[in-house]
């Protein structure tokens, strides 16, 4: 697929944080907001809990623009340099 036609992933709330299982390695670069790591735990920095201010779960698949508590990321993840090579 041509990179110019590749669809950008939807933005994830900048308040979302994650911690995954140490030692997990992937063949390709995986951004933290992809939700790819099934053993990861997520929390919202606004509440310090696994739910956001709206009492819905904190997870990259649901912490999007449709939620009232959503805050845009300060940097577009698609434009950031990868952290892992």
PDB file of N, CA and C in Angstrom:
ATOM      1  N   UNK A   1       0.843  -1.181   0.000  1.00  0.00           N
ATOM      2  CA  UNK A   1       0.000   0.000   0.000  1.00  0.00           C
ATOM      3  C   UNK A   1       0.882   1.236   0.000  1.00  0.00           C
ATOM      4  N   UNK A   2       0.551   2.160  -0.834  1.00  0.00           N
ATOM      5  CA  UNK A   2       1.280   3.416  -0.949  1.00  0.00           C
ATOM      6  C   UNK A   2       1.081   4.241   0.325  1.00  0.00           C
ATOM      7  N   UNK A   3       2.157   4.820   0.855  1.00  0.00           N
ATOM      8  CA  UNK A   3       2.047   5.582   2.104  1.00  0.00           C
ATOM      9  C   UNK A   3       1.165   6.814   1.953  1.00  0.00           C
ATOM     10  N   UNK A   4       1.015   7.334   0.726  1.00  0.00           N
ATOM     11  CA  UNK A   4       0.160   8.502   0.527  1.00  0.00           C
ATOM     12  C   UNK A   4      -1.319   8.151   0.622  1.00  0.00           C
ATOM     13  N   UNK A   5      -1.672   6.879   0.425  1.00  0.00           N
ATOM     14  CA  UNK A   5      -3.072   6.457   0.517  1.00  0.00           C
ATOM     15  C   UNK A   5      -3.377   5.754   1.833  1.00  0.00           C
ATOM     16  N   UNK A   6      -2.358   5.537   2.649  1.00  0.00           N
ATOM     17  CA  UNK A   6      -2.550   4.862   3.933  1.00  0.00           C
ATOM     18  C   UNK A   6      -3.335   5.773   4.872  1.00  0.00           C
ATOM     19  N   UNK A   7      -4.359   5.218   5.494  1.00  0.00           N
ATOM     20  CA  UNK A   7      -5.193   6.008   6.394  1.00  0.00           C
ATOM     21  C   UNK A   7      -4.482   6.197   7.728  1.00  0.00           C
ATOM     22  N   UNK A   8      -4.511   7.435   8.240  1.00  0.00           N
ATOM     23  CA  UNK A   8      -3.894   7.728   9.528  1.00  0.00           C
ATOM     24  C   UNK A   8      -4.772   7.165  10.643  1.00  0.00           C
ATOM     25  N   UNK A   9      -4.165   6.639  11.701  1.00  0.00           N
ATOM     26  CA  UNK A   9      -4.978   6.163  12.823  1.00  0.00           C
ATOM     27  C   UNK A   9      -5.673   7.334  13.502  1.00  0.00           C
ATOM     28  N   UNK A  10      -6.834   7.087  14.100  1.00  0.00           N
ATOM     29  CA  UNK A  10      -7.522   8.185  14.794  1.00  0.00           C
ATOM     30  C   UNK A  10      -6.706   8.649  16.000  1.00  0.00           C
ATOM     31  N   UNK A  11      -6.807   9.928  16.350  1.00  0.00           N
ATOM     32  CA  UNK A  11      -6.048  10.414  17.510  1.00  0.00           C
ATOM     33  C   UNK A  11      -6.561   9.805  18.809  1.00  0.00           C
ATOM     34  N   UNK A  12      -5.642   9.611  19.725  1.00  0.00           N
ATOM     35  CA  UNK A  12      -5.958   9.077  21.050  1.00  0.00           C
ATOM     36  C   UNK A  12      -5.733  10.205  22.049  1.00  0.00           C
ATOM     37  N   UNK A  13      -6.562  10.265  23.070  1.00  0.00           N
ATOM     38  CA  UNK A  13      -6.482  11.324  24.070  1.00  0.00           C
ATOM     39  C   UNK A  13      -5.082  11.412  24.679  1.00  0.00           C
ATOM     40  N   UNK A  14      -4.579  12.619  24.814  1.00  0.00           N
ATOM     41  CA  UNK A  14      -3.236  12.807  25.377  1.00  0.00           C
ATOM     42  C   UNK A  14      -3.166  12.485  26.860  1.00  0.00           C
ATOM     43  N   UNK A  15      -4.305  12.305  27.514  1.00  0.00           N
ATOM     44  CA  UNK A  15      -4.312  11.957  28.939  1.00  0.00           C
ATOM     45  C   UNK A  15      -4.151  10.456  29.184  1.00  0.00           C
ATOM     46  N   UNK A  16      -4.207   9.655  28.137  1.00  0.00           N
ATOM     47  CA  UNK A  16      -4.112   8.199  28.276  1.00  0.00           C
ATOM     48  C   UNK A  16      -2.666   7.786  28.503  1.00  0.00           C
ATOM     49  N   UNK A  17      -2.449   6.895  29.460  1.00  0.00           N
ATOM     50  CA  UNK A  17      -1.121   6.349  29.735  1.00  0.00           C
ATOM     51  C   UNK A  17      -1.207   4.833  29.763  1.00  0.00           C
ATOM     52  N   UNK A  18      -0.045   4.194  29.599  1.00  0.00           N
ATOM     53  CA  UNK A  18      -0.026   2.737  29.498  1.00  0.00           C
ATOM     54  C   UNK A  18       1.240   2.163  30.105  1.00  0.00           C
ATOM     55  N   UNK A  19       1.113   0.920  30.556  1.00  0.00           N
ATOM     56  CA  UNK A  19       2.277   0.149  30.978  1.00  0.00           C
ATOM     57  C   UNK A  19       2.025  -1.276  30.518  1.00  0.00           C
ATOM     58  N   UNK A  20       2.967  -1.802  29.762  1.00  0.00           N
ATOM     59  CA  UNK A  20       2.826  -3.161  29.241  1.00  0.00           C
ATOM     60  C   UNK A  20       3.771  -4.118  29.927  1.00  0.00           C
ATOM     61  N   UNK A  21       3.689  -5.371  29.531  1.00  0.00           N
ATOM     62  CA  UNK A  21       4.553  -6.407  30.072  1.00  0.00           C
ATOM     63  C   UNK A  21       5.985  -6.203  29.584  1.00  0.00           C
ATOM     64  N   UNK A  22       6.968  -6.162  30.492  1.00  0.00           N
ATOM     65  CA  UNK A  22       8.353  -5.991  30.061  1.00  0.00           C
ATOM     66  C   UNK A  22       8.802  -7.190  29.226  1.00  0.00           C
ATOM     67  N   UNK A  23       9.676  -6.931  28.287  1.00  0.00           N
ATOM     68  CA  UNK A  23      10.236  -8.011  27.481  1.00  0.00           C
ATOM     69  C   UNK A  23       9.483  -8.305  26.205  1.00  0.00           C
ATOM     70  N   UNK A  24       8.324  -7.699  25.993  1.00  0.00           N
ATOM     71  CA  UNK A  24       7.589  -7.915  24.753  1.00  0.00           C
ATOM     72  C   UNK A  24       8.335  -7.220  23.631  1.00  0.00           C
ATOM     73  N   UNK A  25       8.598  -7.948  22.541  1.00  0.00           N
ATOM     74  CA  UNK A  25       9.302  -7.368  21.391  1.00  0.00           C
ATOM     75  C   UNK A  25       8.462  -7.581  20.151  1.00  0.00           C
ATOM     76  N   UNK A  26       8.514  -6.628  19.249  1.00  0.00           N
ATOM     77  CA  UNK A  26       7.777  -6.706  17.997  1.00  0.00           C
ATOM     78  C   UNK A  26       8.754  -6.576  16.843  1.00  0.00           C
ATOM     79  N   UNK A  27       8.385  -7.141  15.702  1.00  0.00           N
ATOM     80  CA  UNK A  27       9.236  -7.084  14.518  1.00  0.00           C
ATOM     81  C   UNK A  27       9.240  -5.687  13.892  1.00  0.00           C
ATOM     82  N   UNK A  28       8.139  -4.958  14.041  1.00  0.00           N
ATOM     83  CA  UNK A  28       8.033  -3.621  13.453  1.00  0.00           C
ATOM     84  C   UNK A  28       7.764  -2.620  14.570  1.00  0.00           C
ATOM     85  N   UNK A  29       7.916  -1.345  14.245  1.00  0.00           N
ATOM     86  CA  UNK A  29       7.667  -0.285  15.212  1.00  0.00           C
ATOM     87  C   UNK A  29       6.189  -0.272  15.572  1.00  0.00           C
ATOM     88  N   UNK A  30       5.880  -0.219  16.856  1.00  0.00           N
ATOM     89  CA  UNK A  30       4.504  -0.157  17.337  1.00  0.00           C
ATOM     90  C   UNK A  30       4.387   1.066  18.225  1.00  0.00           C
ATOM     91  N   UNK A  31       3.488   1.973  17.881  1.00  0.00           N
ATOM     92  CA  UNK A  31       3.267   3.147  18.718  1.00  0.00           C
ATOM     93  C   UNK A  31       2.447   2.757  19.944  1.00  0.00           C
ATOM     94  N   UNK A  32       2.676   3.409  21.061  1.00  0.00           N
ATOM     95  CA  UNK A  32       1.973   3.092  22.310  1.00  0.00           C
ATOM     96  C   UNK A  32       0.467   3.203  22.152  1.00  0.00           C
ATOM     97  N   UNK A  33      -0.012   4.078  21.265  1.00  0.00           N
ATOM     98  CA  UNK A  33      -1.443   4.322  21.162  1.00  0.00           C
ATOM     99  C   UNK A  33      -2.174   3.353  20.241  1.00  0.00           C
ATOM    100  N   UNK A  34      -1.483   2.335  19.742  1.00  0.00           N
ATOM    101  CA  UNK A  34      -2.136   1.421  18.814  1.00  0.00           C
ATOM    102  C   UNK A  34      -2.990   0.383  19.531  1.00  0.00           C
ATOM    103  N   UNK A  35      -2.762   0.160  20.822  1.00  0.00           N
ATOM    104  CA  UNK A  35      -3.533  -0.851  21.541  1.00  0.00           C
ATOM    105  C   UNK A  35      -3.128  -2.263  21.166  1.00  0.00           C
ATOM    106  N   UNK A  36      -1.970  -2.426  20.551  1.00  0.00           N
ATOM    107  CA  UNK A  36      -1.530  -3.711  20.015  1.00  0.00           C
ATOM    108  C   UNK A  36      -1.160  -4.706  21.111  1.00  0.00           C
ATOM    109  N   UNK A  37      -0.576  -4.246  22.171  1.00  0.00           N
ATOM    110  CA  UNK A  37      -0.102  -5.121  23.241  1.00  0.00           C
ATOM    111  C   UNK A  37      -1.263  -5.509  24.148  1.00  0.00           C
ATOM    112  N   UNK A  38      -1.682  -6.766  24.067  1.00  0.00           N
ATOM    113  CA  UNK A  38      -2.885  -7.204  24.779  1.00  0.00           C
ATOM    114  C   UNK A  38      -2.711  -7.249  26.293  1.00  0.00           C
ATOM    115  N   UNK A  39      -1.467  -7.261  26.787  1.00  0.00           N
ATOM    116  CA  UNK A  39      -1.241  -7.331  28.228  1.00  0.00           C
ATOM    117  C   UNK A  39      -1.068  -5.957  28.871  1.00  0.00           C
ATOM    118  N   UNK A  40      -1.178  -4.903  28.075  1.00  0.00           N
ATOM    119  CA  UNK A  40      -0.972  -3.549  28.597  1.00  0.00           C
ATOM    120  C   UNK A  40      -2.122  -3.133  29.510  1.00  0.00           C
ATOM    121  N   UNK A  41      -1.792  -2.321  30.494  1.00  0.00           N
ATOM    122  CA  UNK A  41      -2.822  -1.702  31.333  1.00  0.00           C
ATOM    123  C   UNK A  41      -2.831  -0.213  31.014  1.00  0.00           C
ATOM    124  N   UNK A  42      -4.015   0.381  31.052  1.00  0.00           N
ATOM    125  CA  UNK A  42      -4.165   1.785  30.687  1.00  0.00           C
ATOM    126  C   UNK A  42      -4.828   2.546  31.821  1.00  0.00           C
ATOM    127  N   UNK A  43      -4.479   3.826  31.944  1.00  0.00           N
ATOM    128  CA  UNK A  43      -5.138   4.692  32.910  1.00  0.00           C
ATOM    129  C   UNK A  43      -5.187   6.104  32.368  1.00  0.00           C
ATOM    130  N   UNK A  44      -6.034   6.896  32.968  1.00  0.00           N
ATOM    131  CA  UNK A  44      -6.215   8.292  32.585  1.00  0.00           C
ATOM    132  C   UNK A  44      -5.507   9.162  33.618  1.00  0.00           C
ATOM    133  N   UNK A  45      -4.686  10.113  33.171  1.00  0.00           N
ATOM    134  CA  UNK A  45      -3.983  10.975  34.111  1.00  0.00           C
ATOM    135  C   UNK A  45      -4.928  11.984  34.770  1.00  0.00           C
ATOM    136  N   UNK A  46      -6.097  12.209  34.186  1.00  0.00           N
ATOM    137  CA  UNK A  46      -7.057  13.131  34.793  1.00  0.00           C
ATOM    138  C   UNK A  46      -7.685  12.534  36.049  1.00  0.00           C
ATOM    139  N   UNK A  47      -7.829  11.199  36.064  1.00  0.00           N
ATOM    140  CA  UNK A  47      -8.457  10.537  37.215  1.00  0.00           C
ATOM    141  C   UNK A  47      -7.485   9.674  38.002  1.00  0.00           C
ATOM    142  N   UNK A  48      -6.394   9.238  37.363  1.00  0.00           N
ATOM    143  CA  UNK A  48      -5.466   8.313  38.009  1.00  0.00           C
ATOM    144  C   UNK A  48      -6.046   6.910  38.108  1.00  0.00           C
ATOM    145  N   UNK A  49      -7.080   6.650  37.355  1.00  0.00           N
ATOM    146  CA  UNK A  49      -7.787   5.361  37.402  1.00  0.00           C
ATOM    147  C   UNK A  49      -7.887   4.746  36.010  1.00  0.00           C
ATOM    148  N   UNK A  50      -8.474   3.553  35.938  1.00  0.00           N
ATOM    149  CA  UNK A  50      -8.675   2.876  34.658  1.00  0.00           C
ATOM    150  C   UNK A  50      -9.914   3.377  33.928  1.00  0.00           C
ATOM    151  N   UNK A  51     -10.523   4.422  34.470  1.00  0.00           N
ATOM    152  CA  UNK A  51     -11.655   5.085  33.820  1.00  0.00           C
ATOM    153  C   UNK A  51     -11.338   6.573  33.704  1.00  0.00           C
ATOM    154  N   UNK A  52     -11.956   7.208  32.717  1.00  0.00           N
ATOM    155  CA  UNK A  52     -11.769   8.635  32.536  1.00  0.00           C
ATOM    156  C   UNK A  52     -12.765   9.439  33.354  1.00  0.00           C
ATOM    157  N   UNK A  53     -12.759  10.768  33.215  1.00  0.00           N
ATOM    158  CA  UNK A  53     -13.685  11.637  33.954  1.00  0.00           C
ATOM    159  C   UNK A  53     -15.155  11.345  33.649  1.00  0.00           C
ATOM    160  N   UNK A  54     -15.404  10.704  32.504  1.00  0.00           N
ATOM    161  CA  UNK A  54     -16.784  10.363  32.127  1.00  0.00           C
ATOM    162  C   UNK A  54     -17.192   8.964  32.589  1.00  0.00           C
ATOM    163  N   UNK A  55     -16.367   8.328  33.414  1.00  0.00           N
ATOM    164  CA  UNK A  55     -16.603   6.985  33.963  1.00  0.00           C
ATOM    165  C   UNK A  55     -16.612   5.878  32.918  1.00  0.00           C
ATOM    166  N   UNK A  56     -16.030   6.106  31.752  1.00  0.00           N
ATOM    167  CA  UNK A  56     -15.871   5.069  30.738  1.00  0.00           C
ATOM    168  C   UNK A  56     -14.422   4.581  30.789  1.00  0.00           C
ATOM    169  N   UNK A  57     -14.181   3.354  30.316  1.00  0.00           N
ATOM    170  CA  UNK A  57     -12.854   2.755  30.378  1.00  0.00           C
ATOM    171  C   UNK A  57     -11.794   3.585  29.657  1.00  0.00           C
ATOM    172  N   UNK A  58     -10.574   3.546  30.179  1.00  0.00           N
ATOM    173  CA  UNK A  58      -9.421   4.177  29.552  1.00  0.00           C
ATOM    174  C   UNK A  58      -8.717   3.131  28.698  1.00  0.00           C
ATOM    175  N   UNK A  59      -8.782   3.298  27.388  1.00  0.00           N
ATOM    176  CA  UNK A  59      -8.174   2.366  26.438  1.00  0.00           C
ATOM    177  C   UNK A  59      -8.035   3.084  25.105  1.00  0.00           C
ATOM    178  N   UNK A  60      -6.964   2.829  24.334  1.00  0.00           N
ATOM    179  CA  UNK A  60      -6.770   3.552  23.077  1.00  0.00           C
ATOM    180  C   UNK A  60      -7.899   3.364  22.069  1.00  0.00           C
ATOM    181  N   UNK A  61      -8.634   2.266  22.168  1.00  0.00           N
ATOM    182  CA  UNK A  61      -9.734   2.043  21.219  1.00  0.00           C
ATOM    183  C   UNK A  61     -10.973   2.853  21.564  1.00  0.00           C
ATOM    184  N   UNK A  62     -11.060   3.396  22.766  1.00  0.00           N
ATOM    185  CA  UNK A  62     -12.251   4.173  23.156  1.00  0.00           C
ATOM    186  C   UNK A  62     -11.931   5.604  23.595  1.00  0.00           C
ATOM    187  N   UNK A  63     -10.677   5.924  23.819  1.00  0.00           N
ATOM    188  CA  UNK A  63     -10.298   7.281  24.244  1.00  0.00           C
ATOM    189  C   UNK A  63     -10.071   8.158  23.016  1.00  0.00           C
ATOM    190  N   UNK A  64     -11.160   8.428  22.306  1.00  0.00           N
ATOM    191  CA  UNK A  64     -11.079   9.191  21.071  1.00  0.00           C
ATOM    192  C   UNK A  64     -11.934  10.437  21.113  1.00  0.00           C
ATOM    193  N   UNK A  65     -12.058  11.061  19.952  1.00  0.00           N
ATOM    194  CA  UNK A  65     -12.729  12.354  19.820  1.00  0.00           C
ATOM    195  C   UNK A  65     -14.202  12.336  20.203  1.00  0.00           C
ATOM    196  N   UNK A  66     -14.827  11.180  20.256  1.00  0.00           N
ATOM    197  CA  UNK A  66     -16.251  11.095  20.595  1.00  0.00           C
ATOM    198  C   UNK A  66     -16.513  11.344  22.091  1.00  0.00           C
ATOM    199  N   UNK A  67     -15.491  11.264  22.917  1.00  0.00           N
ATOM    200  CA  UNK A  67     -15.673  11.445  24.359  1.00  0.00           C
ATOM    201  C   UNK A  67     -15.553  12.912  24.754  1.00  0.00           C
ATOM    202  N   UNK A  68     -16.386  13.323  25.692  1.00  0.00           N
ATOM    203  CA  UNK A  68     -16.404  14.721  26.150  1.00  0.00           C
ATOM    204  C   UNK A  68     -15.091  15.117  26.821  1.00  0.00           C
ATOM    205  N   UNK A  69     -14.392  14.183  27.434  1.00  0.00           N
ATOM    206  CA  UNK A  69     -13.149  14.472  28.153  1.00  0.00           C
ATOM    207  C   UNK A  69     -11.920  14.419  27.252  1.00  0.00           C
ATOM    208  N   UNK A  70     -12.088  14.110  25.971  1.00  0.00           N
ATOM    209  CA  UNK A  70     -10.975  13.973  25.022  1.00  0.00           C
ATOM    210  C   UNK A  70     -10.155  15.252  24.898  1.00  0.00           C
ATOM    211  N   UNK A  71      -8.831  15.096  24.884  1.00  0.00           N
ATOM    212  CA  UNK A  71      -7.912  16.198  24.633  1.00  0.00           C
ATOM    213  C   UNK A  71      -7.005  15.783  23.478  1.00  0.00           C
ATOM    214  N   UNK A  72      -6.881  16.651  22.481  1.00  0.00           N
ATOM    215  CA  UNK A  72      -6.032  16.350  21.323  1.00  0.00           C
ATOM    216  C   UNK A  72      -4.586  16.144  21.746  1.00  0.00           C
ATOM    217  N   UNK A  73      -3.883  15.218  21.083  1.00  0.00           N
ATOM    218  CA  UNK A  73      -2.444  15.084  21.336  1.00  0.00           C
ATOM    219  C   UNK A  73      -1.728  16.369  20.941  1.00  0.00           C
ATOM    220  N   UNK A  74      -0.673  16.704  21.633  1.00  0.00           N
ATOM    221  CA  UNK A  74       0.087  17.909  21.304  1.00  0.00           C
ATOM    222  C   UNK A  74       0.915  17.713  20.045  1.00  0.00           C
ATOM    223  N   UNK A  75       1.288  16.470  19.756  1.00  0.00           N
ATOM    224  CA  UNK A  75       2.059  16.131  18.564  1.00  0.00           C
ATOM    225  C   UNK A  75       1.306  15.023  17.837  1.00  0.00           C
ATOM    226  N   UNK A  76       1.226  15.129  16.514  1.00  0.00           N
ATOM    227  CA  UNK A  76       0.586  14.096  15.708  1.00  0.00           C
ATOM    228  C   UNK A  76       1.455  12.839  15.751  1.00  0.00           C
ATOM    229  N   UNK A  77       0.941  11.690  16.264  1.00  0.00           N
ATOM    230  CA  UNK A  77       1.764  10.476  16.369  1.00  0.00           C
ATOM    231  C   UNK A  77       2.304  10.010  15.021  1.00  0.00           C
ATOM    232  N   UNK A  78       1.583  10.280  13.936  1.00  0.00           N
ATOM    233  CA  UNK A  78       2.051   9.862  12.613  1.00  0.00           C
ATOM    234  C   UNK A  78       3.271  10.667  12.173  1.00  0.00           C
ATOM    235  N   UNK A  79       3.473  11.838  12.745  1.00  0.00           N
ATOM    236  CA  UNK A  79       4.601  12.684  12.373  1.00  0.00           C
ATOM    237  C   UNK A  79       5.781  12.555  13.335  1.00  0.00           C
ATOM    238  N   UNK A  80       5.582  11.869  14.450  1.00  0.00           N
ATOM    239  CA  UNK A  80       6.666  11.665  15.414  1.00  0.00           C
ATOM    240  C   UNK A  80       7.665  10.655  14.881  1.00  0.00           C
ATOM    241  N   UNK A  81       8.933  10.822  15.181  1.00  0.00           N
ATOM    242  CA  UNK A  81       9.895   9.777  14.825  1.00  0.00           C
ATOM    243  C   UNK A  81       9.640   8.553  15.704  1.00  0.00           C
ATOM    244  N   UNK A  82       9.824   7.355  15.175  1.00  0.00           N
ATOM    245  CA  UNK A  82       9.606   6.144  15.988  1.00  0.00           C
ATOM    246  C   UNK A  82      10.572   6.076  17.158  1.00  0.00           C
ATOM    247  N   UNK A  83      10.096   5.560  18.283  1.00  0.00           N
ATOM    248  CA  UNK A  83      10.936   5.423  19.471  1.00  0.00           C
ATOM    249  C   UNK A  83      11.751   4.138  19.439  1.00  0.00           C
ATOM    250  N   UNK A  84      11.214   3.113  18.787  1.00  0.00           N
ATOM    251  CA  UNK A  84      11.889   1.816  18.726  1.00  0.00           C
ATOM    252  C   UNK A  84      12.238   1.493  17.283  1.00  0.00           C
ATOM    253  N   UNK A  85      13.398   0.952  17.066  1.00  0.00           N
ATOM    254  CA  UNK A  85      13.788   0.527  15.709  1.00  0.00           C
ATOM    255  C   UNK A  85      13.954  -0.959  15.673  1.00  0.00           C
TER     256      UNK A  85
END
